[in-house]
Amino acid sequence: MAQDITLNVAGKPYRLSAATPEMEQLMRVAAQEVSDMLTRFDSRFPESNPEDKLVFVAIQEAAGKLFAQKKIARLAEEVESLGADVAAYLEALKK
């Protein structure tokens, strides 16, 4: 059952629903990371408006997600290749 939670991002509360306790924990960690990134962008770009800083955060997070997806795809290919190597090795042992 979903649980209503309140997350603070950059000092502003946001009410959301978390489907599971694990999702709640992940959402709380994510909210803290976003707040931390906004704080860093505040110090690096004090003249920028908050919306621009949120765009910086969104781009950084989206790039990180794309990087992770590519890495997972490469690892999956590597696992498949290693599986084929193991299968070929085991087949050679049978002969």
Protein backbone atom coordinates (compact mmCIF):
# COMPACT_ATOMS: atom_id res chain seq x y z
CA MET A 1 0.00 0.00 0.00
CA ALA A 2 1.33 3.42 -0.91
CA GLN A 3 2.43 5.67 1.88
CA ASP A 4 2.23 9.45 1.71
CA ILE A 5 5.55 11.08 2.53
CA THR A 6 6.90 14.61 2.62
CA LEU A 7 10.30 15.29 1.11
CA ASN A 8 12.22 18.51 1.50
CA VAL A 9 14.16 19.66 -1.53
CA ALA A 10 16.07 22.90 -1.22
CA GLY A 11 14.06 23.77 1.88
CA LYS A 12 10.67 23.30 0.23
CA PRO A 13 8.35 20.43 1.22
CA TYR A 14 6.86 18.15 -1.42
CA ARG A 15 4.17 15.56 -0.70
CA LEU A 16 4.55 12.33 -2.65
CA SER A 17 3.48 8.70 -2.42
CA ALA A 18 5.91 5.84 -1.99
CA ALA A 19 4.70 2.39 -3.05
CA THR A 20 7.03 0.50 -0.71
CA PRO A 21 9.32 1.24 2.22
CA GLU A 22 12.28 0.62 -0.11
CA MET A 23 10.93 3.21 -2.57
CA GLU A 24 10.42 5.66 0.30
CA GLN A 25 14.06 5.27 1.32
CA LEU A 26 15.25 5.73 -2.26
CA MET A 27 13.09 8.82 -2.66
CA ARG A 28 14.49 10.31 0.55
CA VAL A 29 18.06 9.67 -0.59
CA ALA A 30 17.28 11.14 -4.02
CA ALA A 31 15.72 14.24 -2.46
CA GLN A 32 18.83 14.74 -0.35
CA GLU A 33 21.08 14.31 -3.39
CA VAL A 34 19.05 16.86 -5.37
CA SER A 35 19.26 19.30 -2.47
CA ASP A 36 23.02 18.76 -2.25
CA MET A 37 23.43 19.35 -6.00
CA LEU A 38 21.34 22.51 -5.81
CA THR A 39 23.54 23.75 -2.97
CA ARG A 40 26.66 23.11 -5.07
CA PHE A 41 25.10 24.89 -8.07
CA ASP A 42 24.13 27.78 -5.78
CA SER A 43 27.77 28.28 -4.88
CA ARG A 44 29.02 27.86 -8.46
CA PHE A 45 26.30 29.92 -10.16
CA PRO A 46 24.92 32.35 -7.56
CA GLU A 47 23.45 34.64 -10.24
CA SER A 48 21.39 31.87 -11.90
CA ASN A 49 17.73 31.50 -11.04
CA PRO A 50 16.44 28.38 -9.25
CA GLU A 51 14.78 27.02 -12.39
CA ASP A 52 18.10 27.07 -14.25
CA LYS A 53 19.77 25.24 -11.38
CA LEU A 54 17.03 22.60 -11.47
CA VAL A 55 17.70 22.17 -15.19
CA PHE A 56 21.40 21.66 -14.37
CA VAL A 57 20.42 18.97 -11.85
CA ALA A 58 18.05 17.30 -14.32
CA ILE A 59 20.68 17.21 -17.08
CA GLN A 60 23.33 15.86 -14.73
CA GLU A 61 21.00 13.12 -13.46
CA ALA A 62 19.76 12.22 -16.96
CA ALA A 63 23.36 11.98 -18.21
CA GLY A 64 24.21 9.74 -15.26
CA LYS A 65 21.23 7.52 -16.02
CA LEU A 66 22.22 7.22 -19.70
CA PHE A 67 25.81 6.41 -18.73
CA ALA A 68 24.58 3.68 -16.36
CA GLN A 69 22.28 2.23 -19.04
CA LYS A 70 25.15 2.03 -21.53
CA LYS A 71 27.40 0.43 -18.94
CA ILE A 72 24.71 -2.14 -18.08
CA ALA A 73 24.28 -2.94 -21.79
CA ARG A 74 28.06 -3.43 -22.19
CA LEU A 75 28.16 -5.65 -19.10
CA ALA A 76 25.22 -7.70 -20.41
CA GLU A 77 27.08 -8.23 -23.69
CA GLU A 78 30.17 -9.24 -21.76
CA VAL A 79 28.18 -11.72 -19.66
CA GLU A 80 26.64 -13.17 -22.81
CA SER A 81 30.08 -13.51 -24.40
CA LEU A 82 31.52 -15.13 -21.29
CA GLY A 83 28.55 -17.49 -21.15
CA ALA A 84 29.21 -18.51 -24.74
CA ASP A 85 32.90 -19.05 -23.93
CA VAL A 86 32.02 -21.23 -20.94
CA ALA A 87 29.52 -23.22 -23.00
CA ALA A 88 32.13 -23.75 -25.73
CA TYR A 89 34.72 -24.79 -23.14
CA LEU A 90 32.34 -27.28 -21.51
CA GLU A 91 31.39 -28.64 -24.92
CA ALA A 92 35.08 -29.11 -25.76
CA LEU A 93 35.59 -31.00 -22.49
CA LYS A 94 32.85 -33.46 -23.48
CA LYS A 95 34.72 -34.40 -26.66
